[in-house]
Amino acid sequence: MQRREIELIATFRYANTWPTAIALAASGRVDLGALVTGHFGLADTEAALTAPDRDRTAIKSVIHPGD
């Protein structure tokens, strides 16, 4: 991102929802592993970030820097 001077902007609109999310994950009611829909090596970071453009079922991509 630095080399290409890409700007990343995020929006934090889920105020005060973290305690509920943590409780759901801790109780096992939400399977966080099931939310991961892709694993990518560092060289494939662009593919990881654009996965939802290609696959509407993509939720969460994990980038493994050592791969």
Protein backbone atom coordinates (compact mmCIF):
# COMPACT_ATOMS: atom_id res chain seq x y z
CA MET A 1 0.00 0.00 0.00
CA GLN A 2 2.82 2.38 0.72
CA ARG A 3 4.68 1.69 -2.51
CA ARG A 4 1.60 2.35 -4.64
CA GLU A 5 0.35 5.11 -2.33
CA ILE A 6 -3.00 3.38 -1.90
CA GLU A 7 -5.26 5.02 0.63
CA LEU A 8 -7.38 2.74 2.82
CA ILE A 9 -10.40 4.24 4.53
CA ALA A 10 -12.55 2.33 7.00
CA THR A 11 -15.81 3.18 8.69
CA PHE A 12 -16.55 2.23 12.26
CA ARG A 13 -20.32 2.30 12.43
CA TYR A 14 -20.95 -0.53 14.84
CA ALA A 15 -20.69 1.37 18.10
CA ASN A 16 -21.07 -0.69 21.26
CA THR A 17 -21.56 -4.02 19.45
CA TRP A 18 -18.26 -5.64 20.44
CA PRO A 19 -19.41 -6.96 23.83
CA THR A 20 -22.30 -8.81 22.16
CA ALA A 21 -20.08 -10.15 19.38
CA ILE A 22 -17.46 -11.35 21.87
CA ALA A 23 -20.12 -13.05 24.00
CA LEU A 24 -21.59 -14.82 20.95
CA ALA A 25 -18.17 -16.06 19.83
CA ALA A 26 -17.17 -17.12 23.35
CA SER A 27 -20.40 -19.08 23.82
CA GLY A 28 -19.88 -20.93 20.54
CA ARG A 29 -23.13 -19.62 19.06
CA VAL A 30 -21.12 -18.12 16.19
CA ASP A 31 -18.53 -20.26 14.40
CA LEU A 32 -15.86 -17.71 13.51
CA GLY A 33 -13.88 -20.24 11.49
CA ALA A 34 -16.80 -20.62 9.10
CA LEU A 35 -16.56 -16.92 8.27
CA VAL A 36 -13.12 -17.41 6.70
CA THR A 37 -13.79 -18.05 3.02
CA GLY A 38 -10.28 -17.79 1.61
CA HIS A 39 -6.61 -18.21 2.47
CA PHE A 40 -3.97 -16.34 0.45
CA GLY A 41 -0.21 -15.97 0.46
CA LEU A 42 1.31 -12.52 0.73
CA ALA A 43 1.95 -12.43 -3.01
CA ASP A 44 -1.80 -12.83 -3.57
CA THR A 45 -2.89 -9.94 -1.35
CA GLU A 46 -4.66 -8.20 -4.23
CA ALA A 47 -6.68 -11.35 -4.92
CA ALA A 48 -7.58 -11.56 -1.23
CA LEU A 49 -8.77 -7.96 -1.12
CA THR A 50 -10.80 -8.28 -4.30
CA ALA A 51 -12.26 -11.74 -3.58
CA PRO A 52 -15.79 -10.37 -2.99
CA ASP A 53 -15.70 -8.81 -6.45
CA ARG A 54 -15.35 -12.29 -7.94
CA ASP A 55 -17.34 -14.33 -5.44
CA ARG A 56 -20.44 -12.95 -3.74
CA THR A 57 -20.11 -15.59 -1.01
CA ALA A 58 -16.64 -14.37 0.04
CA ILE A 59 -16.73 -12.99 3.58
CA LYS A 60 -13.29 -13.03 5.14
CA SER A 61 -9.91 -13.53 3.51
CA VAL A 62 -6.88 -14.48 5.57
CA ILE A 63 -3.46 -13.46 4.26
CA HIS A 64 -0.55 -15.60 5.41
CA PRO A 65 2.61 -13.47 5.20
CA GLY A 66 4.93 -16.49 5.36
CA ASP A 67 3.44 -18.13 2.25
